[in-house]
N, C-alpha and C. Protein backbone atom coordinates (compact mmCIF):
# COMPACT_ATOMS: atom_id res chain seq x y z
N PRO A 1 158.00 94.95 137.59
CA PRO A 1 156.62 94.46 137.53
C PRO A 1 156.54 92.93 137.45
N GLU A 2 157.56 92.28 136.86
CA GLU A 2 157.52 90.82 136.78
C GLU A 2 157.71 90.16 138.15
N ARG A 3 158.21 90.92 139.13
CA ARG A 3 158.42 90.37 140.47
C ARG A 3 157.33 90.82 141.46
N TRP A 4 156.89 92.08 141.33
CA TRP A 4 155.95 92.65 142.30
C TRP A 4 154.79 93.32 141.55
N SER A 5 153.58 92.87 141.80
CA SER A 5 152.42 93.55 141.24
C SER A 5 152.12 94.80 142.05
N LYS A 6 151.31 95.72 141.50
CA LYS A 6 150.93 96.92 142.25
C LYS A 6 150.16 96.54 143.51
N GLU A 7 149.34 95.50 143.42
CA GLU A 7 148.56 95.08 144.58
C GLU A 7 149.47 94.56 145.69
N ALA A 8 150.49 93.79 145.33
CA ALA A 8 151.42 93.26 146.32
C ALA A 8 152.22 94.38 146.99
N ILE A 9 152.63 95.38 146.19
CA ILE A 9 153.36 96.52 146.75
C ILE A 9 152.47 97.30 147.71
N ALA A 10 151.22 97.52 147.34
CA ALA A 10 150.30 98.27 148.20
C ALA A 10 150.06 97.53 149.51
N GLU A 11 149.92 96.21 149.45
CA GLU A 11 149.72 95.43 150.66
C GLU A 11 150.97 95.48 151.55
N ARG A 12 152.14 95.40 150.94
CA ARG A 12 153.38 95.47 151.72
C ARG A 12 153.52 96.85 152.38
N ARG A 13 153.13 97.90 151.67
CA ARG A 13 153.18 99.25 152.25
C ARG A 13 152.27 99.34 153.47
N ARG A 14 151.06 98.76 153.39
CA ARG A 14 150.14 98.78 154.52
C ARG A 14 150.68 97.97 155.68
N THR A 15 151.30 96.83 155.39
CA THR A 15 151.80 95.94 156.45
C THR A 15 153.01 96.53 157.16
N LEU A 16 153.94 97.08 156.40
CA LEU A 16 155.19 97.60 156.97
C LEU A 16 155.01 98.97 157.60
N GLY A 17 154.11 99.78 157.06
CA GLY A 17 154.03 101.17 157.46
C GLY A 17 154.92 102.01 156.57
N GLU A 18 154.61 103.32 156.49
CA GLU A 18 155.29 104.20 155.54
C GLU A 18 156.78 104.32 155.82
N TYR A 19 157.16 104.37 157.10
CA TYR A 19 158.58 104.56 157.44
C TYR A 19 159.42 103.37 156.96
N ALA A 20 159.03 102.14 157.36
CA ALA A 20 159.80 100.97 156.98
C ALA A 20 159.73 100.73 155.48
N PHE A 21 158.57 101.00 154.87
CA PHE A 21 158.44 100.81 153.42
C PHE A 21 159.40 101.73 152.67
N ALA A 22 159.50 102.98 153.12
CA ALA A 22 160.39 103.92 152.45
C ALA A 22 161.84 103.46 152.54
N ALA A 23 162.21 102.89 153.68
CA ALA A 23 163.58 102.42 153.85
C ALA A 23 163.87 101.19 152.99
N LEU A 24 162.94 100.24 152.97
CA LEU A 24 163.19 98.96 152.30
C LEU A 24 162.96 99.01 150.79
N PHE A 25 161.97 99.78 150.36
CA PHE A 25 161.59 99.75 148.95
C PHE A 25 162.01 101.01 148.19
N GLN A 26 162.26 102.12 148.90
CA GLN A 26 162.66 103.36 148.24
C GLN A 26 164.09 103.77 148.57
N GLN A 27 164.74 103.01 149.49
CA GLN A 27 166.11 103.31 149.90
C GLN A 27 166.24 104.68 150.57
N THR A 28 165.15 105.14 151.18
CA THR A 28 165.18 106.38 151.96
C THR A 28 164.55 106.08 153.32
N PRO A 29 165.23 106.39 154.43
CA PRO A 29 164.72 105.99 155.74
C PRO A 29 163.58 106.84 156.27
N MET A 30 163.18 107.87 155.56
CA MET A 30 162.08 108.70 156.04
C MET A 30 161.20 109.08 154.85
N PRO A 31 159.90 108.84 154.93
CA PRO A 31 159.02 109.21 153.82
C PRO A 31 158.92 110.72 153.68
N GLU A 32 158.48 111.18 152.50
CA GLU A 32 158.26 112.60 152.28
C GLU A 32 157.24 113.11 153.29
N GLY A 33 157.51 114.26 153.84
CA GLY A 33 156.61 114.81 154.86
C GLY A 33 157.18 114.69 156.24
N GLY A 34 158.09 113.71 156.46
CA GLY A 34 158.88 113.69 157.67
C GLY A 34 158.25 113.04 158.88
N ALA A 35 157.08 113.48 159.32
CA ALA A 35 156.54 113.06 160.61
C ALA A 35 156.27 111.56 160.64
N LEU A 36 156.49 110.97 161.83
CA LEU A 36 156.28 109.52 161.97
C LEU A 36 154.80 109.17 161.86
N VAL A 37 153.96 109.92 162.55
CA VAL A 37 152.51 109.71 162.49
C VAL A 37 151.88 110.96 161.90
N LYS A 38 151.15 110.81 160.81
CA LYS A 38 150.61 111.96 160.09
C LYS A 38 149.17 112.22 160.51
N ARG A 39 148.80 113.49 160.57
CA ARG A 39 147.48 113.87 161.05
C ARG A 39 146.37 113.24 160.20
N HIS A 40 146.57 113.13 158.89
CA HIS A 40 145.48 112.62 158.05
C HIS A 40 145.28 111.11 158.23
N TRP A 41 146.14 110.45 158.99
CA TRP A 41 145.90 109.04 159.31
C TRP A 41 144.95 108.87 160.49
N PHE A 42 144.72 109.95 161.27
CA PHE A 42 143.90 109.82 162.47
C PHE A 42 142.48 109.42 162.10
N ARG A 43 141.94 108.45 162.84
CA ARG A 43 140.56 108.00 162.64
C ARG A 43 139.83 108.13 163.97
N TYR A 44 138.53 108.35 163.89
CA TYR A 44 137.76 108.64 165.09
C TYR A 44 136.56 107.70 165.22
N ALA A 45 136.16 107.49 166.46
CA ALA A 45 134.98 106.69 166.77
C ALA A 45 134.07 107.51 167.66
N LYS A 46 132.80 107.19 167.66
CA LYS A 46 131.87 107.83 168.59
C LYS A 46 130.94 106.76 169.15
N ARG A 47 130.47 107.01 170.35
CA ARG A 47 129.53 106.08 170.97
C ARG A 47 128.21 106.13 170.21
N ALA A 48 127.64 104.96 169.95
CA ALA A 48 126.40 104.89 169.18
C ALA A 48 125.59 103.70 169.67
N THR A 49 124.36 103.95 170.07
CA THR A 49 123.46 102.90 170.56
C THR A 49 122.51 102.49 169.44
N ARG A 50 122.28 101.19 169.31
CA ARG A 50 121.37 100.67 168.29
C ARG A 50 120.31 99.78 168.94
N GLU A 51 119.17 99.75 168.32
CA GLU A 51 118.10 98.87 168.77
C GLU A 51 118.20 97.57 167.99
N LEU A 52 118.41 96.46 168.71
CA LEU A 52 118.59 95.16 168.09
C LEU A 52 117.58 94.17 168.66
N VAL A 53 117.26 93.16 167.87
CA VAL A 53 116.42 92.07 168.34
C VAL A 53 117.32 91.04 168.99
N GLU A 54 117.10 90.78 170.29
CA GLU A 54 117.94 89.88 171.07
C GLU A 54 117.11 88.70 171.57
N ASP A 55 117.74 87.51 171.58
CA ASP A 55 117.10 86.34 172.16
C ASP A 55 117.14 86.44 173.68
N VAL A 56 116.03 86.10 174.34
CA VAL A 56 115.95 86.11 175.79
C VAL A 56 115.49 84.74 176.26
N GLU A 57 115.39 84.57 177.57
CA GLU A 57 115.01 83.27 178.13
C GLU A 57 113.62 82.88 177.66
N GLY A 58 113.42 81.57 177.56
CA GLY A 58 112.12 81.05 177.14
C GLY A 58 111.94 81.00 175.63
N GLY A 59 113.03 81.19 174.89
CA GLY A 59 112.93 81.12 173.44
C GLY A 59 112.29 82.34 172.81
N ARG A 60 112.10 83.42 173.59
CA ARG A 60 111.49 84.62 173.06
C ARG A 60 112.57 85.58 172.53
N SER A 61 112.11 86.56 171.78
CA SER A 61 112.98 87.63 171.30
C SER A 61 112.36 88.97 171.67
N GLU A 62 113.20 89.93 171.94
CA GLU A 62 112.71 91.27 172.24
C GLU A 62 113.72 92.29 171.76
N ARG A 63 113.23 93.49 171.53
CA ARG A 63 114.10 94.57 171.09
C ARG A 63 114.82 95.18 172.29
N ARG A 64 116.12 95.38 172.12
CA ARG A 64 116.93 95.97 173.19
C ARG A 64 117.83 97.04 172.62
N LEU A 65 118.14 98.03 173.46
CA LEU A 65 119.12 99.03 173.09
C LEU A 65 120.50 98.50 173.46
N VAL A 66 121.39 98.45 172.49
CA VAL A 66 122.73 97.88 172.66
C VAL A 66 123.77 98.97 172.45
N LYS A 67 124.66 99.13 173.43
CA LYS A 67 125.72 100.13 173.32
C LYS A 67 126.79 99.66 172.35
N GLY A 68 127.39 100.63 171.66
CA GLY A 68 128.46 100.28 170.73
C GLY A 68 129.24 101.51 170.30
N PHE A 69 130.07 101.31 169.30
CA PHE A 69 130.90 102.37 168.76
C PHE A 69 130.72 102.40 167.24
N GLU A 70 130.67 103.60 166.71
CA GLU A 70 130.66 103.78 165.25
C GLU A 70 132.03 104.28 164.83
N LEU A 71 132.67 103.55 163.94
CA LEU A 71 134.02 103.87 163.49
C LEU A 71 133.95 104.43 162.08
N GLU A 72 134.59 105.57 161.89
CA GLU A 72 134.65 106.16 160.55
C GLU A 72 135.94 105.73 159.88
N MET A 73 135.79 105.01 158.77
CA MET A 73 136.94 104.48 158.05
C MET A 73 136.95 105.03 156.63
N GLN A 74 138.06 104.85 155.95
CA GLN A 74 138.19 105.35 154.59
C GLN A 74 137.95 104.22 153.60
N GLY A 75 136.89 104.32 152.82
CA GLY A 75 136.61 103.32 151.80
C GLY A 75 137.13 103.75 150.45
N ASP A 76 136.94 102.89 149.45
CA ASP A 76 137.43 103.20 148.10
C ASP A 76 136.74 104.43 147.52
N ASN A 77 135.50 104.67 147.92
CA ASN A 77 134.73 105.78 147.37
C ASN A 77 134.41 106.85 148.42
N GLY A 78 135.24 106.93 149.45
CA GLY A 78 135.01 107.92 150.49
C GLY A 78 134.81 107.28 151.84
N PRO A 79 134.48 108.08 152.85
CA PRO A 79 134.32 107.56 154.22
C PRO A 79 133.20 106.53 154.33
N VAL A 80 133.43 105.50 155.12
CA VAL A 80 132.41 104.50 155.44
C VAL A 80 132.37 104.35 156.95
N ARG A 81 131.24 103.91 157.48
CA ARG A 81 131.09 103.76 158.92
C ARG A 81 130.78 102.32 159.28
N GLU A 82 131.47 101.83 160.27
CA GLU A 82 131.27 100.48 160.78
C GLU A 82 130.84 100.57 162.24
N TRP A 83 129.84 99.77 162.62
CA TRP A 83 129.35 99.77 164.00
C TRP A 83 129.76 98.46 164.66
N VAL A 84 130.22 98.56 165.91
CA VAL A 84 130.64 97.38 166.66
C VAL A 84 130.02 97.45 168.05
N ARG A 85 129.57 96.30 168.55
CA ARG A 85 128.98 96.25 169.89
C ARG A 85 130.05 96.39 170.95
N GLN A 86 129.75 97.18 171.97
CA GLN A 86 130.71 97.36 173.07
C GLN A 86 130.93 96.06 173.83
N ASP A 87 129.87 95.27 174.03
CA ASP A 87 130.02 94.04 174.82
C ASP A 87 130.73 92.93 174.05
N LYS A 88 131.06 93.16 172.78
CA LYS A 88 131.86 92.20 172.01
C LYS A 88 133.34 92.57 172.00
N CYS A 89 133.67 93.71 172.62
CA CYS A 89 135.05 94.15 172.71
C CYS A 89 135.65 93.72 174.05
N TRP A 90 136.97 93.71 174.13
CA TRP A 90 137.61 93.53 175.42
C TRP A 90 138.51 94.74 175.69
N VAL A 91 138.82 94.97 176.96
CA VAL A 91 139.47 96.20 177.38
C VAL A 91 140.93 95.95 177.74
N LEU A 92 141.78 96.85 177.29
CA LEU A 92 143.22 96.81 177.57
C LEU A 92 143.65 98.16 178.12
N PHE A 93 144.45 98.14 179.19
CA PHE A 93 145.14 99.34 179.66
C PHE A 93 146.58 99.27 179.17
N SER A 94 147.12 100.39 178.69
CA SER A 94 148.55 100.46 178.39
C SER A 94 149.12 101.65 179.15
N GLY A 95 150.23 101.43 179.86
CA GLY A 95 150.73 102.48 180.73
C GLY A 95 152.23 102.68 180.66
N ASP A 96 152.62 103.93 180.85
CA ASP A 96 154.03 104.30 180.98
C ASP A 96 154.10 105.15 182.25
N LEU A 97 154.73 104.63 183.30
CA LEU A 97 154.70 105.27 184.60
C LEU A 97 155.87 106.23 184.77
N ALA A 98 155.61 107.30 185.50
CA ALA A 98 156.67 108.23 185.90
C ALA A 98 156.54 108.42 187.40
N LEU A 99 157.65 108.66 188.09
CA LEU A 99 157.64 108.62 189.55
C LEU A 99 157.84 109.98 190.19
N SER A 100 157.93 111.04 189.42
CA SER A 100 158.18 112.35 189.98
C SER A 100 156.93 113.21 189.90
N MET A 101 156.72 114.05 190.94
CA MET A 101 155.61 114.99 190.95
C MET A 101 156.04 116.35 190.40
N GLU A 102 157.31 116.52 190.05
CA GLU A 102 157.78 117.80 189.53
C GLU A 102 157.07 118.12 188.20
N GLN A 103 156.69 119.36 188.02
CA GLN A 103 155.96 119.74 186.82
C GLN A 103 156.80 119.63 185.56
N THR A 104 158.13 119.64 185.71
CA THR A 104 159.01 119.50 184.55
C THR A 104 159.32 118.04 184.24
N ALA A 105 158.85 117.12 185.08
CA ALA A 105 159.15 115.70 184.89
C ALA A 105 158.18 115.08 183.89
N ASP A 106 158.47 113.82 183.51
CA ASP A 106 157.57 113.09 182.61
C ASP A 106 156.23 112.84 183.30
N PHE A 107 155.22 112.62 182.48
CA PHE A 107 153.89 112.31 182.99
C PHE A 107 153.70 110.81 183.10
N THR A 108 152.86 110.40 184.03
CA THR A 108 152.31 109.05 183.99
C THR A 108 151.20 109.05 182.95
N ALA A 109 151.29 108.14 182.02
CA ALA A 109 150.30 108.06 180.94
C ALA A 109 149.68 106.67 180.92
N ILE A 110 148.36 106.62 180.94
CA ILE A 110 147.64 105.35 180.87
C ILE A 110 146.55 105.49 179.82
N GLY A 111 146.62 104.68 178.80
CA GLY A 111 145.59 104.65 177.76
C GLY A 111 144.64 103.49 178.00
N ILE A 112 143.35 103.73 177.84
CA ILE A 112 142.34 102.69 178.00
C ILE A 112 141.73 102.42 176.62
N TRP A 113 141.85 101.18 176.20
CA TRP A 113 141.48 100.80 174.83
C TRP A 113 140.38 99.75 174.84
N TYR A 114 139.45 99.88 173.92
CA TYR A 114 138.53 98.80 173.59
C TYR A 114 139.06 98.11 172.34
N ILE A 115 139.29 96.79 172.45
CA ILE A 115 139.79 96.00 171.32
C ILE A 115 138.59 95.30 170.67
N THR A 116 138.34 95.60 169.42
CA THR A 116 137.13 95.13 168.77
C THR A 116 137.30 93.70 168.26
N PRO A 117 136.19 93.01 168.00
CA PRO A 117 136.28 91.79 167.20
C PRO A 117 136.71 92.17 165.78
N PRO A 118 137.11 91.21 164.96
CA PRO A 118 137.60 91.56 163.62
C PRO A 118 136.58 92.34 162.81
N ILE A 119 137.02 93.45 162.24
CA ILE A 119 136.24 94.24 161.30
C ILE A 119 137.01 94.23 159.99
N LYS A 120 136.41 93.66 158.95
CA LYS A 120 137.11 93.47 157.68
C LYS A 120 138.41 92.70 157.90
N GLY A 121 138.36 91.72 158.80
CA GLY A 121 139.48 90.83 159.03
C GLY A 121 140.51 91.33 160.02
N LYS A 122 140.34 92.53 160.60
CA LYS A 122 141.35 93.09 161.49
C LYS A 122 140.70 93.66 162.73
N ARG A 123 141.30 93.40 163.90
CA ARG A 123 140.83 94.00 165.14
C ARG A 123 141.25 95.46 165.20
N ARG A 124 140.32 96.31 165.60
CA ARG A 124 140.60 97.74 165.73
C ARG A 124 140.75 98.10 167.21
N ARG A 125 141.46 99.18 167.50
CA ARG A 125 141.73 99.60 168.88
C ARG A 125 141.16 101.00 169.05
N ILE A 126 140.25 101.15 170.00
CA ILE A 126 139.60 102.44 170.23
C ILE A 126 140.10 103.01 171.54
N LEU A 127 140.79 104.15 171.48
CA LEU A 127 141.25 104.82 172.69
C LEU A 127 140.09 105.61 173.27
N VAL A 128 139.56 105.15 174.42
CA VAL A 128 138.37 105.77 174.99
C VAL A 128 138.68 106.70 176.16
N PHE A 129 139.89 106.57 176.74
CA PHE A 129 140.24 107.41 177.88
C PHE A 129 141.76 107.51 177.95
N LEU A 130 142.24 108.69 178.32
CA LEU A 130 143.68 108.89 178.46
C LEU A 130 143.97 109.63 179.76
N LEU A 131 144.69 108.95 180.66
CA LEU A 131 145.19 109.57 181.88
C LEU A 131 146.58 110.12 181.60
N HIS A 132 146.79 111.39 181.88
CA HIS A 132 148.07 112.04 181.58
C HIS A 132 148.34 113.03 182.71
N GLU A 133 148.96 112.54 183.81
CA GLU A 133 149.10 113.35 185.02
C GLU A 133 150.47 113.10 185.66
N HIS A 134 150.85 114.03 186.52
CA HIS A 134 151.98 113.80 187.41
C HIS A 134 151.44 113.07 188.63
N LEU A 135 151.88 111.83 188.83
CA LEU A 135 151.43 111.02 189.96
C LEU A 135 152.64 110.49 190.72
N SER A 136 152.59 110.58 192.01
CA SER A 136 153.64 109.98 192.83
C SER A 136 153.48 108.46 192.81
N SER A 137 154.53 107.74 193.16
CA SER A 137 154.48 106.28 193.16
C SER A 137 153.38 105.74 194.06
N PRO A 138 153.19 106.26 195.30
CA PRO A 138 152.11 105.72 196.14
C PRO A 138 150.71 105.96 195.58
N ALA A 139 150.56 106.98 194.72
CA ALA A 139 149.24 107.29 194.18
C ALA A 139 148.88 106.48 192.94
N GLN A 140 149.87 105.80 192.34
CA GLN A 140 149.63 105.15 191.06
C GLN A 140 148.75 103.91 191.19
N VAL A 141 149.03 103.04 192.16
CA VAL A 141 148.24 101.81 192.29
C VAL A 141 146.78 102.11 192.64
N PRO A 142 146.48 103.03 193.60
CA PRO A 142 145.07 103.36 193.83
C PRO A 142 144.37 103.90 192.59
N ARG A 143 145.07 104.71 191.79
CA ARG A 143 144.45 105.22 190.56
C ARG A 143 144.20 104.08 189.57
N LEU A 144 145.18 103.19 189.43
CA LEU A 144 145.00 102.03 188.56
C LEU A 144 143.81 101.18 189.02
N LYS A 145 143.71 100.98 190.33
CA LYS A 145 142.63 100.15 190.86
C LYS A 145 141.27 100.79 190.60
N ALA A 146 141.17 102.12 190.76
CA ALA A 146 139.91 102.81 190.50
C ALA A 146 139.51 102.68 189.03
N LEU A 147 140.48 102.82 188.13
CA LEU A 147 140.19 102.67 186.71
C LEU A 147 139.83 101.22 186.37
N TYR A 148 140.51 100.27 187.05
CA TYR A 148 140.20 98.86 186.82
C TYR A 148 138.74 98.56 187.20
N LEU A 149 138.29 99.07 188.34
CA LEU A 149 136.92 98.82 188.77
C LEU A 149 135.91 99.46 187.82
N GLN A 150 136.31 100.55 187.17
CA GLN A 150 135.40 101.24 186.25
C GLN A 150 135.32 100.54 184.91
N PHE A 151 136.46 100.07 184.38
CA PHE A 151 136.49 99.56 183.00
C PHE A 151 136.66 98.05 182.91
N LYS A 152 137.10 97.38 183.97
CA LYS A 152 137.29 95.93 183.99
C LYS A 152 138.17 95.43 182.83
N PRO A 153 139.43 95.87 182.74
CA PRO A 153 140.29 95.43 181.65
C PRO A 153 140.68 93.97 181.80
N ARG A 154 140.93 93.32 180.69
CA ARG A 154 141.46 91.96 180.71
C ARG A 154 142.94 91.98 181.06
N ARG A 155 143.64 93.04 180.66
CA ARG A 155 145.08 93.12 180.91
C ARG A 155 145.49 94.57 181.11
N ILE A 156 146.47 94.80 181.99
CA ILE A 156 147.09 96.10 182.18
C ILE A 156 148.55 95.95 181.79
N ALA A 157 148.94 96.53 180.67
CA ALA A 157 150.30 96.40 180.15
C ALA A 157 151.09 97.64 180.55
N ILE A 158 152.16 97.46 181.33
CA ILE A 158 152.98 98.56 181.83
C ILE A 158 154.40 98.39 181.33
N GLU A 159 154.98 99.48 180.80
CA GLU A 159 156.38 99.43 180.39
C GLU A 159 157.26 99.10 181.59
N LYS A 160 158.16 98.16 181.39
CA LYS A 160 158.99 97.65 182.49
C LYS A 160 160.32 98.39 182.53
N GLY A 161 160.34 99.52 183.24
CA GLY A 161 161.58 100.21 183.52
C GLY A 161 162.01 99.88 184.94
N THR A 162 163.26 100.17 185.27
CA THR A 162 163.76 99.85 186.61
C THR A 162 162.93 100.53 187.69
N ALA A 163 162.55 101.79 187.46
CA ALA A 163 161.82 102.54 188.47
C ALA A 163 160.37 102.07 188.61
N ASP A 164 159.86 101.33 187.61
CA ASP A 164 158.46 100.92 187.62
C ASP A 164 158.23 99.60 188.35
N LEU A 165 159.30 98.86 188.66
CA LEU A 165 159.13 97.50 189.17
C LEU A 165 158.35 97.46 190.47
N ALA A 166 158.62 98.40 191.37
CA ALA A 166 157.92 98.39 192.66
C ALA A 166 156.43 98.61 192.46
N THR A 167 156.07 99.55 191.58
CA THR A 167 154.65 99.81 191.32
C THR A 167 153.99 98.60 190.69
N ILE A 168 154.68 97.96 189.77
CA ILE A 168 154.13 96.75 189.13
C ILE A 168 153.92 95.66 190.16
N GLN A 169 154.87 95.47 191.06
CA GLN A 169 154.72 94.44 192.11
C GLN A 169 153.56 94.76 193.05
N HIS A 170 153.40 96.03 193.42
CA HIS A 170 152.30 96.42 194.29
C HIS A 170 150.96 96.24 193.58
N ALA A 171 150.93 96.54 192.30
CA ALA A 171 149.69 96.37 191.53
C ALA A 171 149.30 94.89 191.44
N LYS A 172 150.27 94.03 191.21
CA LYS A 172 149.98 92.59 191.17
C LYS A 172 149.49 92.11 192.54
N ALA A 173 150.12 92.61 193.61
CA ALA A 173 149.71 92.21 194.96
C ALA A 173 148.28 92.66 195.25
N ALA A 174 147.85 93.75 194.61
CA ALA A 174 146.49 94.26 194.79
C ALA A 174 145.48 93.50 193.94
N GLY A 175 145.94 92.49 193.18
CA GLY A 175 145.04 91.67 192.38
C GLY A 175 144.76 92.21 190.99
N LEU A 176 145.55 93.19 190.55
CA LEU A 176 145.33 93.75 189.22
C LEU A 176 146.05 92.90 188.16
N PRO A 177 145.45 92.73 186.97
CA PRO A 177 146.05 91.88 185.93
C PRO A 177 147.16 92.60 185.17
N VAL A 178 148.25 92.90 185.88
CA VAL A 178 149.34 93.68 185.31
C VAL A 178 150.29 92.76 184.56
N HIS A 179 150.71 93.22 183.39
CA HIS A 179 151.69 92.51 182.58
C HIS A 179 152.83 93.47 182.30
N ALA A 180 154.04 93.15 182.74
CA ALA A 180 155.20 94.00 182.53
C ALA A 180 155.74 93.80 181.11
N VAL A 181 155.82 94.89 180.36
CA VAL A 181 156.28 94.83 178.97
C VAL A 181 157.71 95.34 178.90
N PRO A 182 158.68 94.51 178.53
CA PRO A 182 160.07 94.97 178.47
C PRO A 182 160.27 96.01 177.38
N LEU A 183 161.18 96.94 177.62
CA LEU A 183 161.54 97.94 176.63
C LEU A 183 162.48 97.31 175.61
N ASP A 184 162.10 97.38 174.34
CA ASP A 184 162.87 96.73 173.29
C ASP A 184 163.23 97.78 172.24
N GLY A 185 164.46 98.25 172.28
CA GLY A 185 164.89 99.27 171.32
C GLY A 185 164.59 100.67 171.81
N ASP A 186 164.99 101.66 171.00
CA ASP A 186 164.76 103.05 171.38
C ASP A 186 163.31 103.46 171.06
N LYS A 187 162.98 104.71 171.34
CA LYS A 187 161.60 105.17 171.17
C LYS A 187 161.16 105.07 169.70
N LEU A 188 162.06 105.35 168.78
CA LEU A 188 161.69 105.26 167.37
C LEU A 188 161.35 103.82 166.98
N ALA A 189 162.20 102.87 167.40
CA ALA A 189 161.95 101.47 167.07
C ALA A 189 160.63 100.99 167.67
N ARG A 190 160.34 101.42 168.92
CA ARG A 190 159.09 101.02 169.56
C ARG A 190 157.89 101.70 168.93
N GLY A 191 158.12 102.85 168.29
CA GLY A 191 157.01 103.57 167.69
C GLY A 191 156.63 103.10 166.31
N LEU A 192 157.50 102.36 165.62
CA LEU A 192 157.21 101.97 164.24
C LEU A 192 155.97 101.07 164.11
N PRO A 193 155.78 100.06 164.98
CA PRO A 193 154.54 99.26 164.85
C PRO A 193 153.29 100.11 165.07
N LEU A 194 153.38 101.10 165.97
CA LEU A 194 152.24 101.99 166.20
C LEU A 194 151.98 102.84 164.97
N GLN A 195 153.06 103.31 164.34
CA GLN A 195 152.92 104.10 163.12
C GLN A 195 152.22 103.31 162.03
N ALA A 196 152.61 102.05 161.87
CA ALA A 196 151.98 101.20 160.86
C ALA A 196 150.51 100.97 161.19
N ALA A 197 150.20 100.84 162.50
CA ALA A 197 148.80 100.62 162.90
C ALA A 197 147.95 101.85 162.61
N TYR A 198 148.47 103.05 162.86
CA TYR A 198 147.74 104.27 162.51
C TYR A 198 147.47 104.32 161.01
N GLU A 199 148.50 104.04 160.23
CA GLU A 199 148.37 104.15 158.78
C GLU A 199 147.38 103.13 158.23
N ASP A 200 147.27 101.98 158.89
CA ASP A 200 146.41 100.90 158.41
C ASP A 200 145.01 100.97 159.02
N GLU A 201 144.65 102.10 159.62
CA GLU A 201 143.31 102.31 160.20
C GLU A 201 142.99 101.27 161.28
N LEU A 202 143.96 100.96 162.12
CA LEU A 202 143.73 100.04 163.24
C LEU A 202 143.49 100.78 164.55
N ILE A 203 143.78 102.09 164.58
CA ILE A 203 143.67 102.87 165.82
C ILE A 203 142.66 103.99 165.63
N PHE A 204 141.76 104.10 166.62
CA PHE A 204 140.73 105.13 166.60
C PHE A 204 140.73 105.87 167.93
N HIS A 205 140.43 107.16 167.89
CA HIS A 205 140.28 107.97 169.09
C HIS A 205 138.79 108.25 169.29
N LEU A 206 138.35 108.14 170.53
CA LEU A 206 136.96 108.45 170.83
C LEU A 206 136.75 109.95 170.69
N ALA A 207 135.90 110.35 169.75
CA ALA A 207 135.73 111.76 169.43
C ALA A 207 135.06 112.51 170.59
N ASP A 208 135.23 113.83 170.58
CA ASP A 208 134.58 114.73 171.52
C ASP A 208 135.04 114.53 172.96
N GLN A 209 136.22 113.96 173.16
CA GLN A 209 136.79 113.85 174.49
C GLN A 209 137.76 115.02 174.73
N PRO A 210 137.91 115.48 175.96
CA PRO A 210 138.71 116.68 176.20
C PRO A 210 140.19 116.52 175.85
N TRP A 211 140.68 115.27 175.82
CA TRP A 211 142.11 115.06 175.55
C TRP A 211 142.40 114.85 174.06
N VAL A 212 141.36 114.75 173.22
CA VAL A 212 141.58 114.39 171.81
C VAL A 212 142.35 115.47 171.06
N ALA A 213 142.00 116.74 171.29
CA ALA A 213 142.66 117.80 170.54
C ALA A 213 144.16 117.82 170.79
N GLU A 214 144.55 117.63 172.05
CA GLU A 214 145.98 117.63 172.37
C GLU A 214 146.68 116.41 171.81
C-alpha cells in the first residue's frame, strides 16, 4: 500500500487490460475465467436522432434533427447513456483479406467503425457494419470501393500479409485511402490491445444488426 494506492492499481488494470495485468501484478499469465474477451465486457450502441438548435446562415437559429448514436456505458451506480453526433465522428475500415473462395478457407473480414470525439476523455469505436464473406481477389477491390462510396472512410487499414499486397496495390491505384498494417507478433499478442479496449469500454457494437449475435 505504501507504493501503490487502490486507485493507481485500478487505473493500471484498466490501462493494461486483464490479461497483462494478471501477468505483471498477479504473476499469472491468464486471469480467472480464461477467455481473452469476456461477454460481460461487450457494450452496445444504437442509432438515435435528436432535435437540436443549430445556427444557420444569416445569424438565425433553427431546430434540426441530428443523427447520432446512443452508447450504453457502465457507471458507478449502474448503466448510463451517452449520445454522440454522427457528423462529429470519423470513419475507419479495418480489414483482414483472404484470397480463397473455398468454404473451408478463411473469410475476408472488413469492419466499419465510427470513431467518436472524446467521451469522458476517451474516443470510443462503434462497429456499425461487418463484412464476413469468402471473396476472390478480383472481387475484393470492387467491394471495398462500394463500401467506400457508402461510408466515406478517412482510412482503410488492411493487414499486410504477402498474399494481400496485390489487392492493397490495386486498391491504392483505385484511389482508396488504404494503409497497410504490418503484422506484429502472433494473434494473441495482436489481440491484447483489443482485449484492453473491450475491458475499458472503448468498443461498442451497433445493436440489432444481423451479425451482432454471432
